[in-house]
Amino acid sequence: MNRRYYVYILTNINHTVLYTGVTGNIEKRVYEHKNKIASSFTSKYNVSKLVYLETYNRPQEAIGREKQIKAGSRRKKIELIITLNPSWKDLSSGN
């Protein structure tokens, strides 16, 4: 079985808060964020808009990449988002 792992960035409606995470089930994780089940941080700041996503075959790669993104500045995260999603549209199917 070919498992996938995801590094993602979520934001709020005004793009003032960025949240970086890693998961093995992106659909479930986004659902949890959108329904305020997931994280007290994302619930508190209404962070539920998926604006960036990378896919990996190995969990170690995804975790390493998440740490790399988290260590970067806000500007670096914004640049990453803009390369993939210049209009900051919600990439999740449940927009």
C-alpha atoms as a PDB file:
ATOM      1  CA  MET A   1       0.000   0.000   0.000  1.00  0.00           C
ATOM      2  CA  ASN A   2       1.293   3.431  -0.943  1.00  0.00           C
ATOM      3  CA  ARG A   3       0.570   5.749   1.967  1.00  0.00           C
ATOM      4  CA  ARG A   4       0.762   9.522   1.542  1.00  0.00           C
ATOM      5  CA  TYR A   5       1.729  12.157   4.078  1.00  0.00           C
ATOM      6  CA  TYR A   6       0.908  15.830   3.799  1.00  0.00           C
ATOM      7  CA  VAL A   7       2.407  19.086   4.969  1.00  0.00           C
ATOM      8  CA  TYR A   8      -0.139  21.858   4.847  1.00  0.00           C
ATOM      9  CA  ILE A   9      -0.676  25.501   5.672  1.00  0.00           C
ATOM     10  CA  LEU A  10      -4.025  26.849   6.797  1.00  0.00           C
ATOM     11  CA  THR A  11      -5.062  30.449   7.262  1.00  0.00           C
ATOM     12  CA  ASN A  12      -8.079  32.414   8.431  1.00  0.00           C
ATOM     13  CA  ILE A  13     -10.414  34.470   6.268  1.00  0.00           C
ATOM     14  CA  ASN A  14      -8.246  37.610   6.490  1.00  0.00           C
ATOM     15  CA  HIS A  15      -4.946  35.724   6.011  1.00  0.00           C
ATOM     16  CA  THR A  16      -3.597  37.167   9.274  1.00  0.00           C
ATOM     17  CA  VAL A  17      -2.814  33.794  10.896  1.00  0.00           C
ATOM     18  CA  LEU A  18      -0.830  30.939   9.324  1.00  0.00           C
ATOM     19  CA  TYR A  19      -0.814  27.403  10.729  1.00  0.00           C
ATOM     20  CA  THR A  20       1.526  24.673   9.461  1.00  0.00           C
ATOM     21  CA  GLY A  21       0.747  21.021  10.107  1.00  0.00           C
ATOM     22  CA  VAL A  22       1.459  17.463   9.007  1.00  0.00           C
ATOM     23  CA  THR A  23      -0.984  14.567   8.605  1.00  0.00           C
ATOM     24  CA  GLY A  24      -1.525  11.198   6.991  1.00  0.00           C
ATOM     25  CA  ASN A  25      -5.148  11.992   6.148  1.00  0.00           C
ATOM     26  CA  ILE A  26      -5.591  15.479   4.728  1.00  0.00           C
ATOM     27  CA  GLU A  27      -9.352  15.226   4.154  1.00  0.00           C
ATOM     28  CA  LYS A  28     -10.003  14.222   7.766  1.00  0.00           C
ATOM     29  CA  ARG A  29      -7.595  16.810   9.154  1.00  0.00           C
ATOM     30  CA  VAL A  30      -9.099  19.692   7.157  1.00  0.00           C
ATOM     31  CA  TYR A  31     -12.572  18.550   8.235  1.00  0.00           C
ATOM     32  CA  GLU A  32     -11.409  18.657  11.863  1.00  0.00           C
ATOM     33  CA  HIS A  33     -10.015  22.162  11.438  1.00  0.00           C
ATOM     34  CA  LYS A  34     -13.124  23.452   9.646  1.00  0.00           C
ATOM     35  CA  ASN A  35     -15.366  22.000  12.363  1.00  0.00           C
ATOM     36  CA  LYS A  36     -13.138  23.151  15.237  1.00  0.00           C
ATOM     37  CA  ILE A  37     -12.412  19.583  16.354  1.00  0.00           C
ATOM     38  CA  ALA A  38      -8.682  19.647  15.696  1.00  0.00           C
ATOM     39  CA  SER A  39      -6.637  22.198  17.552  1.00  0.00           C
ATOM     40  CA  SER A  40      -7.431  24.802  20.152  1.00  0.00           C
ATOM     41  CA  PHE A  41      -5.121  27.210  18.279  1.00  0.00           C
ATOM     42  CA  THR A  42      -6.904  26.840  14.952  1.00  0.00           C
ATOM     43  CA  SER A  43     -10.295  26.936  16.686  1.00  0.00           C
ATOM     44  CA  LYS A  44      -9.433  30.088  18.623  1.00  0.00           C
ATOM     45  CA  TYR A  45      -8.215  31.953  15.532  1.00  0.00           C
ATOM     46  CA  ASN A  46     -10.746  30.492  13.033  1.00  0.00           C
ATOM     47  CA  VAL A  47      -7.985  28.953  10.924  1.00  0.00           C
ATOM     48  CA  SER A  48      -9.618  26.563   8.461  1.00  0.00           C
ATOM     49  CA  LYS A  49      -8.732  27.647   4.910  1.00  0.00           C
ATOM     50  CA  LEU A  50      -6.285  25.231   3.227  1.00  0.00           C
ATOM     51  CA  VAL A  51      -3.946  27.366   1.117  1.00  0.00           C
ATOM     52  CA  TYR A  52      -0.830  25.191   0.722  1.00  0.00           C
ATOM     53  CA  LEU A  53      -0.190  21.446   0.419  1.00  0.00           C
ATOM     54  CA  GLU A  54       2.807  19.200  -0.221  1.00  0.00           C
ATOM     55  CA  THR A  55       2.665  15.395  -0.528  1.00  0.00           C
ATOM     56  CA  TYR A  56       5.284  12.872   0.656  1.00  0.00           C
ATOM     57  CA  ASN A  57       5.658   9.093   0.577  1.00  0.00           C
ATOM     58  CA  ARG A  58       7.509   8.825   3.887  1.00  0.00           C
ATOM     59  CA  PRO A  59       6.413  10.294   7.230  1.00  0.00           C
ATOM     60  CA  GLN A  60       9.986  11.310   8.112  1.00  0.00           C
ATOM     61  CA  GLU A  61      10.159  13.488   4.999  1.00  0.00           C
ATOM     62  CA  ALA A  62       6.850  15.175   5.798  1.00  0.00           C
ATOM     63  CA  ILE A  63       7.805  15.800   9.437  1.00  0.00           C
ATOM     64  CA  GLY A  64      11.190  17.206   8.386  1.00  0.00           C
ATOM     65  CA  ARG A  65       9.545  19.519   5.879  1.00  0.00           C
ATOM     66  CA  GLU A  66       6.961  20.685   8.430  1.00  0.00           C
ATOM     67  CA  LYS A  67       9.775  21.600  10.831  1.00  0.00           C
ATOM     68  CA  GLN A  68      11.597  23.442   8.040  1.00  0.00           C
ATOM     69  CA  ILE A  69       8.506  25.481   7.133  1.00  0.00           C
ATOM     70  CA  LYS A  70       7.693  26.233  10.782  1.00  0.00           C
ATOM     71  CA  ALA A  71      11.250  27.472  11.345  1.00  0.00           C
ATOM     72  CA  GLY A  72      10.907  29.937   8.468  1.00  0.00           C
ATOM     73  CA  SER A  73       9.597  33.465   8.671  1.00  0.00           C
ATOM     74  CA  ARG A  74       6.050  34.516   7.911  1.00  0.00           C
ATOM     75  CA  ARG A  75       7.385  36.059   4.694  1.00  0.00           C
ATOM     76  CA  LYS A  76       8.835  32.681   3.612  1.00  0.00           C
ATOM     77  CA  LYS A  77       5.498  30.965   4.280  1.00  0.00           C
ATOM     78  CA  ILE A  78       3.669  33.603   2.248  1.00  0.00           C
ATOM     79  CA  GLU A  79       6.141  33.134  -0.617  1.00  0.00           C
ATOM     80  CA  LEU A  80       5.520  29.354  -0.519  1.00  0.00           C
ATOM     81  CA  ILE A  81       1.751  29.861  -0.633  1.00  0.00           C
ATOM     82  CA  ILE A  82       2.009  32.321  -3.521  1.00  0.00           C
ATOM     83  CA  THR A  83       4.113  29.911  -5.625  1.00  0.00           C
ATOM     84  CA  LEU A  84       1.371  27.258  -5.453  1.00  0.00           C
ATOM     85  CA  ASN A  85      -1.748  29.314  -4.840  1.00  0.00           C
ATOM     86  CA  PRO A  86      -1.341  32.997  -5.787  1.00  0.00           C
ATOM     87  CA  SER A  87      -5.037  33.769  -5.246  1.00  0.00           C
ATOM     88  CA  TRP A  88      -5.082  32.093  -1.797  1.00  0.00           C
ATOM     89  CA  LYS A  89      -8.146  30.043  -2.740  1.00  0.00           C
ATOM     90  CA  ASP A  90      -9.246  27.238  -0.412  1.00  0.00           C
ATOM     91  CA  LEU A  91      -7.686  24.049  -1.793  1.00  0.00           C
ATOM     92  CA  SER A  92      -9.940  21.726   0.171  1.00  0.00           C
ATOM     93  CA  SER A  93     -12.908  20.158  -1.588  1.00  0.00           C
ATOM     94  CA  GLY A  94     -15.314  21.420   1.074  1.00  0.00           C
ATOM     95  CA  ASN A  95     -14.520  25.089   0.394  1.00  0.00           C
END
